[in-house]
Amino acid sequence: MTAQLHESLILEGERVSMAFCPPIPEDHPRIVQLTEEEMKELDLPYLLFSSACWRGYIGHWEIKDGRFYLRKIAGCYKVIGDEPIFADWFSGIIKVPKGKLLHYVHMEFESVFEQELHIAIEKGKVVSSCVIDNRMKKFDRSKPSGKNLPGPRNPREHHKDARLNSTDGPTTARKEDFSWKSMLLAFVIATIISVVAARVAETKVTGNIIWTVMWIYLSIEAWKYWRWKALLPIPLSMFASGAVMLAGNIEKMSPTYMVVQAILNLGGLVAFYILLRKSRKRQLQEFSSAGRSGGFLRQDDRCQGSC
């Protein structure tokens, strides 16, 4: 699961982002689900329907005078009318990230920030809140912190009758840098390439395809952020490898050749992985800032007055 776009929240007049998705009541008389034709006419941003937003919308919420409101929705739902809707259907805890990003997790809302404001709400009314300071604390990456993605495209279990404990430690976060699905796909593709190449060259299929698998795996993961640019590292690495072998007049399949190949592959993969991590971190920061600024709402959907 990709890191998700934050919801937008106005907290007593201050615009922040919310690392949580309160459920949207589909049977509410002022909330309607849009058809595909209606969404196409609105020309909504691509990110609202990408893997970064499985729910298919961005909710614009507000806490004012201790009450929780839904103001606007951009995406597959729409709020009818200009007056905010009192969210009396919601009971649970919302999380507002504060400060710098400490640990990026490529999954849901599990990345850890310096501080988190936890606000407990019961039937739309704020009952308590506290600030969790995550600085100088260790993170338990074995436990997920976010299982709160509502919506028709990805129904999830919501927090019911949640209670706030001000003595809680830092938000737990599961390390989601590795994707078994991407690795399996990379292995299948590498195997096919190896078989085809062996038949074309009329040689035996090599049993060691680990380097090819790793390059393809990172390319698959990078495609989520770079699109077609994710296809460039593999041919660039092959060109660099060939240039080094040619310049050094290294005989193919010799011990020297194997060592140089291992060094070049390892160095290239490490550089590829570092760039990929930076892209993931940058995307999360953009998601967070977009939630604070309302950047994924159309101009006429942005609230007035306290905004």
Protein backbone atom coordinates (compact mmCIF):
# COMPACT_ATOMS: atom_id res chain seq x y z
CA MET A 1 0.00 0.00 0.00
CA THR A 2 1.40 3.36 -1.05
CA ALA A 3 1.71 6.28 1.37
CA GLN A 4 -1.62 8.11 1.22
CA LEU A 5 -2.60 11.73 0.70
CA HIS A 6 -3.49 13.47 3.94
CA GLU A 7 -6.93 14.91 4.60
CA SER A 8 -7.21 18.68 4.99
CA LEU A 9 -8.19 20.06 8.40
CA ILE A 10 -8.82 23.52 9.83
CA LEU A 11 -8.10 23.26 13.54
CA GLU A 12 -9.63 26.21 15.38
CA GLY A 13 -8.73 28.51 12.49
CA GLU A 14 -5.31 26.98 11.65
CA ARG A 15 -4.95 24.95 8.46
CA VAL A 16 -3.12 21.65 9.07
CA SER A 17 -3.13 18.17 7.56
CA MET A 18 -4.73 15.08 9.05
CA ALA A 19 -3.07 11.67 8.81
CA PHE A 20 -6.40 9.89 9.11
CA CYS A 21 -9.53 9.32 7.03
CA PRO A 22 -12.80 9.67 8.91
CA PRO A 23 -15.53 7.67 7.19
CA ILE A 24 -17.88 9.36 4.75
CA PRO A 25 -21.57 8.45 5.31
CA GLU A 26 -22.80 7.53 1.84
CA ASP A 27 -26.44 7.68 2.96
CA HIS A 28 -26.21 11.29 4.18
CA PRO A 29 -28.71 13.50 2.29
CA ARG A 30 -26.05 16.16 1.61
CA ILE A 31 -23.32 13.79 0.43
CA VAL A 32 -23.53 12.29 -3.04
CA GLN A 33 -21.22 9.98 -4.93
CA LEU A 34 -20.27 11.29 -8.38
CA THR A 35 -20.44 9.27 -11.57
CA GLU A 36 -17.39 8.76 -13.78
CA GLU A 37 -18.81 11.26 -16.27
CA GLU A 38 -19.26 13.91 -13.57
CA MET A 39 -15.71 13.40 -12.30
CA LYS A 40 -14.32 13.73 -15.83
CA GLU A 41 -16.15 17.03 -16.25
CA LEU A 42 -14.54 18.36 -13.05
CA ASP A 43 -11.05 17.61 -14.43
CA LEU A 44 -9.80 16.47 -11.01
CA PRO A 45 -6.06 15.97 -10.32
CA TYR A 46 -4.65 12.57 -11.32
CA LEU A 47 -3.31 11.93 -7.81
CA LEU A 48 -6.85 11.66 -6.44
CA PHE A 49 -7.27 8.42 -8.39
CA SER A 50 -3.76 7.03 -8.10
CA SER A 51 -2.33 4.51 -5.64
CA ALA A 52 -1.53 7.51 -3.41
CA CYS A 53 -5.25 7.99 -2.79
CA TRP A 54 -7.03 4.63 -2.77
CA ARG A 55 -10.14 6.18 -1.23
CA GLY A 56 -10.59 8.36 -4.33
CA TYR A 57 -11.17 11.67 -2.58
CA ILE A 58 -9.72 14.32 -0.25
CA GLY A 59 -11.96 15.45 2.59
CA HIS A 60 -11.82 19.00 3.88
CA TRP A 61 -12.65 19.00 7.59
CA GLU A 62 -12.80 21.54 10.40
CA ILE A 63 -12.76 21.54 14.19
CA LYS A 64 -14.42 24.66 15.50
CA ASP A 65 -15.59 25.34 19.06
CA GLY A 66 -14.97 21.71 19.94
CA ARG A 67 -17.13 20.31 17.14
CA PHE A 68 -16.01 18.29 14.11
CA TYR A 69 -17.34 19.32 10.70
CA LEU A 70 -17.07 18.12 7.10
CA ARG A 71 -16.84 21.15 4.80
CA LYS A 72 -15.96 19.95 1.31
CA ILE A 73 -14.92 16.82 -0.60
CA ALA A 74 -12.81 16.70 -3.76
CA GLY A 75 -12.96 13.47 -5.72
CA CYS A 76 -15.60 10.75 -6.00
CA TYR A 77 -17.94 12.45 -3.48
CA LYS A 78 -19.48 15.90 -3.28
CA VAL A 79 -21.03 17.92 -0.46
CA ILE A 80 -24.25 19.65 -1.46
CA GLY A 81 -24.61 23.21 -0.17
CA ASP A 82 -22.19 25.66 1.41
CA GLU A 83 -22.87 25.00 5.10
CA PRO A 84 -20.48 22.56 6.86
CA ILE A 85 -21.93 19.23 7.98
CA PHE A 86 -21.65 18.35 11.68
CA ALA A 87 -19.89 14.96 11.71
CA ASP A 88 -22.01 13.38 14.45
CA TRP A 89 -21.51 9.96 12.82
CA PHE A 90 -17.83 9.88 13.73
CA SER A 91 -16.30 8.59 16.97
CA GLY A 92 -12.59 7.89 17.15
CA ILE A 93 -9.16 9.49 17.28
CA ILE A 94 -7.73 11.70 14.54
CA LYS A 95 -4.01 12.31 14.15
CA VAL A 96 -2.48 15.65 13.15
CA PRO A 97 1.27 15.42 12.31
CA LYS A 98 3.51 18.26 13.44
CA GLY A 99 7.15 19.12 12.84
CA LYS A 100 9.68 17.37 10.64
CA LEU A 101 9.40 13.90 9.16
CA LEU A 102 11.43 11.44 11.28
CA HIS A 103 10.72 8.14 9.56
CA TYR A 104 9.12 7.63 6.15
CA VAL A 105 6.98 4.53 5.72
CA HIS A 106 5.69 3.76 2.23
CA MET A 107 2.29 2.67 3.51
CA GLU A 108 -0.95 4.42 4.38
CA PHE A 109 -0.41 7.07 7.11
CA GLU A 110 2.33 5.24 9.02
CA SER A 111 5.21 7.71 8.60
CA VAL A 112 6.40 9.23 11.86
CA PHE A 113 6.73 12.97 12.47
CA GLU A 114 8.36 14.84 15.37
CA GLN A 115 5.03 15.29 17.11
CA GLU A 116 1.46 14.12 16.73
CA LEU A 117 -1.63 15.82 18.03
CA HIS A 118 -4.17 13.14 18.92
CA ILE A 119 -7.75 14.37 19.19
CA ALA A 120 -10.43 12.08 20.59
CA ILE A 121 -13.90 12.67 19.18
CA GLU A 122 -17.21 11.13 20.22
CA LYS A 123 -20.22 11.63 17.97
CA GLY A 124 -18.65 14.71 16.43
CA LYS A 125 -17.62 16.39 19.68
CA VAL A 126 -14.02 16.76 20.89
CA VAL A 127 -13.66 15.07 24.29
CA SER A 128 -9.89 15.16 24.84
CA SER A 129 -6.53 15.66 23.14
CA CYS A 130 -2.83 15.28 23.76
CA VAL A 131 0.48 15.73 22.00
CA ILE A 132 2.73 12.70 21.41
CA ASP A 133 6.41 13.62 21.12
CA ASN A 134 8.23 11.10 18.91
CA ARG A 135 11.66 12.69 19.11
CA MET A 136 14.42 10.59 20.67
CA LYS A 137 12.15 7.55 20.73
CA LYS A 138 12.46 4.17 19.08
CA PHE A 139 9.78 3.03 16.68
CA ASP A 140 8.26 -0.43 16.76
CA ARG A 141 8.16 -1.18 13.04
CA SER A 142 6.43 -4.52 13.60
CA LYS A 143 3.06 -2.93 14.34
CA PRO A 144 1.06 -0.88 11.83
CA SER A 145 -0.38 2.42 13.00
CA GLY A 146 -2.82 3.18 10.20
CA LYS A 147 -5.78 0.98 9.35
CA ASN A 148 -8.24 3.67 8.50
CA LEU A 149 -8.89 3.86 4.78
CA PRO A 150 -12.64 4.08 4.20
CA GLY A 151 -14.39 4.39 0.88
CA PRO A 152 -16.02 2.11 -1.68
CA ARG A 153 -12.73 1.30 -3.45
CA ASN A 154 -10.94 0.09 -0.37
CA PRO A 155 -13.23 -0.53 2.64
CA ARG A 156 -11.35 -0.69 5.92
CA GLU A 157 -12.25 -1.24 9.54
CA HIS A 158 -12.63 2.08 11.36
CA HIS A 159 -11.85 2.92 14.98
CA LYS A 160 -14.96 2.27 17.04
CA ASP A 161 -15.34 3.47 20.61
CA ALA A 162 -11.68 4.51 20.62
CA ARG A 163 -10.25 6.02 23.79
CA LEU A 164 -7.24 8.29 24.10
CA ASN A 165 -4.37 7.35 26.38
CA SER A 166 -2.03 10.28 26.95
CA THR A 167 0.71 7.95 28.18
CA ASP A 168 1.02 6.20 24.82
CA GLY A 169 4.44 6.04 23.25
CA PRO A 170 5.30 7.02 19.71
CA THR A 171 3.12 5.98 16.85
CA THR A 172 4.14 2.52 15.74
CA ALA A 173 5.22 2.15 12.15
CA ARG A 174 5.77 -0.89 10.02
CA LYS A 175 8.66 -0.74 7.62
CA GLU A 176 7.11 -1.08 4.19
CA ASP A 177 10.10 -0.46 1.94
CA PHE A 178 9.95 -3.99 0.52
CA SER A 179 7.19 -5.28 -1.75
CA TRP A 180 6.85 -9.02 -2.25
CA LYS A 181 4.55 -8.45 -5.23
CA SER A 182 7.16 -6.32 -6.98
CA MET A 183 9.89 -8.85 -6.17
CA LEU A 184 7.83 -11.75 -7.53
CA LEU A 185 7.08 -9.81 -10.72
CA ALA A 186 10.75 -8.89 -11.06
CA PHE A 187 11.75 -12.56 -10.69
CA VAL A 188 9.28 -13.64 -13.38
CA ILE A 189 10.45 -10.93 -15.79
CA ALA A 190 14.14 -11.71 -15.13
CA THR A 191 13.53 -15.42 -15.72
CA ILE A 192 11.77 -14.75 -19.04
CA ILE A 193 14.57 -12.43 -20.15
CA SER A 194 17.17 -15.03 -19.20
CA VAL A 195 15.40 -17.81 -21.13
CA VAL A 196 14.87 -15.67 -24.24
CA ALA A 197 18.47 -14.40 -24.19
CA ALA A 198 19.80 -17.96 -23.85
CA ARG A 199 17.76 -19.17 -26.82
CA VAL A 200 18.82 -16.25 -29.00
CA ALA A 201 22.48 -16.79 -28.10
CA GLU A 202 22.05 -20.59 -28.26
CA THR A 203 23.56 -21.04 -24.83
CA LYS A 204 22.41 -22.55 -21.54
CA VAL A 205 20.18 -20.56 -19.20
CA THR A 206 22.28 -19.03 -16.44
CA GLY A 207 21.27 -19.92 -12.91
CA ASN A 208 22.38 -16.63 -11.39
CA ILE A 209 19.92 -13.85 -12.22
CA ILE A 210 20.01 -12.09 -8.86
CA TRP A 211 21.44 -8.85 -10.27
CA THR A 212 18.80 -8.71 -12.99
CA VAL A 213 16.05 -9.37 -10.46
CA MET A 214 17.24 -6.55 -8.20
CA TRP A 215 17.51 -4.04 -11.06
CA ILE A 216 14.02 -4.89 -12.30
CA TYR A 217 12.59 -4.80 -8.77
CA LEU A 218 13.87 -1.27 -8.15
CA SER A 219 12.61 -0.20 -11.58
CA ILE A 220 9.12 -1.46 -10.73
CA GLU A 221 9.15 0.41 -7.43
CA ALA A 222 10.57 3.55 -9.07
CA TRP A 223 7.81 3.50 -11.69
CA LYS A 224 5.38 4.63 -8.96
CA TYR A 225 7.27 7.93 -8.71
CA TRP A 226 9.29 8.43 -11.92
CA ARG A 227 7.06 6.74 -14.52
CA TRP A 228 9.00 6.20 -17.78
CA LYS A 229 12.19 7.59 -16.23
CA ALA A 230 12.28 4.43 -14.09
CA LEU A 231 13.29 2.54 -17.25
CA LEU A 232 16.54 4.52 -17.65
CA PRO A 233 18.76 3.09 -14.85
CA ILE A 234 19.01 -0.42 -16.35
CA PRO A 235 20.29 0.61 -19.82
CA LEU A 236 22.55 3.22 -18.23
CA SER A 237 24.07 0.58 -15.94
CA MET A 238 24.57 -1.77 -18.90
CA PHE A 239 26.28 0.98 -20.88
CA ALA A 240 28.54 1.88 -17.94
CA SER A 241 29.42 -1.77 -17.38
CA GLY A 242 30.26 -2.30 -21.05
CA ALA A 243 32.37 0.86 -21.16
CA VAL A 244 34.39 -0.22 -18.09
CA MET A 245 34.97 -3.73 -19.46
CA LEU A 246 36.02 -2.36 -22.84
CA ALA A 247 38.33 0.27 -21.36
CA GLY A 248 39.96 -2.28 -19.07
CA ASN A 249 40.14 -4.94 -21.79
CA ILE A 250 38.64 -7.40 -19.33
CA GLU A 251 37.91 -10.86 -20.67
CA LYS A 252 34.31 -11.93 -20.31
CA MET A 253 33.50 -14.47 -17.56
CA SER A 254 37.01 -14.21 -16.11
CA PRO A 255 37.44 -13.83 -12.31
CA THR A 256 38.27 -10.15 -12.81
CA TYR A 257 35.15 -9.72 -14.91
CA MET A 258 32.97 -11.27 -12.19
CA VAL A 259 34.45 -9.04 -9.46
CA VAL A 260 34.09 -5.85 -11.51
CA GLN A 261 30.54 -6.77 -12.46
CA ALA A 262 29.65 -7.34 -8.80
CA ILE A 263 31.14 -3.98 -7.78
CA LEU A 264 29.38 -2.10 -10.57
CA ASN A 265 26.04 -3.76 -9.91
CA LEU A 266 26.23 -3.25 -6.16
CA GLY A 267 27.22 0.40 -6.51
CA GLY A 268 24.51 1.07 -9.09
CA LEU A 269 21.82 -0.62 -7.02
CA VAL A 270 22.78 1.32 -3.89
CA ALA A 271 22.65 4.62 -5.81
CA PHE A 272 19.31 3.62 -7.36
CA TYR A 273 17.87 2.74 -3.94
CA ILE A 274 19.03 6.02 -2.36
CA LEU A 275 17.37 8.05 -5.14
CA LEU A 276 14.19 6.00 -4.76
CA ARG A 277 14.09 6.61 -1.01
CA LYS A 278 14.48 10.34 -1.56
CA SER A 279 11.57 10.29 -4.00
CA ARG A 280 9.39 8.49 -1.45
CA LYS A 281 10.27 10.96 1.27
CA ARG A 282 9.69 13.95 -0.99
CA GLN A 283 6.28 12.60 -2.03
CA LEU A 284 5.16 12.24 1.59
CA GLN A 285 6.24 15.80 2.35
CA GLU A 286 4.27 17.01 -0.69
CA PHE A 287 1.22 15.06 0.47
CA SER A 288 1.46 16.60 3.93
CA SER A 289 1.87 20.15 2.63
CA ALA A 290 -0.96 19.63 0.13
CA GLY A 291 -3.26 18.70 2.99
CA ARG A 292 -2.32 21.86 4.89
CA SER A 293 -2.82 24.14 1.89
CA GLY A 294 -5.91 22.46 0.46
CA GLY A 295 -3.93 22.00 -2.74
CA PHE A 296 -6.04 19.09 -4.00
CA LEU A 297 -9.30 21.01 -3.76
CA ARG A 298 -10.48 22.99 -6.73
CA GLN A 299 -10.36 26.74 -6.21
CA ASP A 300 -14.13 27.04 -5.86
CA ASP A 301 -14.14 24.18 -3.32
CA ARG A 302 -11.81 25.90 -0.87
CA CYS A 303 -13.62 27.18 2.17
CA GLN A 304 -13.93 30.84 2.95
CA GLY A 305 -13.89 32.82 6.18
CA SER A 306 -11.80 30.89 8.71
CA CYS A 307 -9.61 29.52 5.89
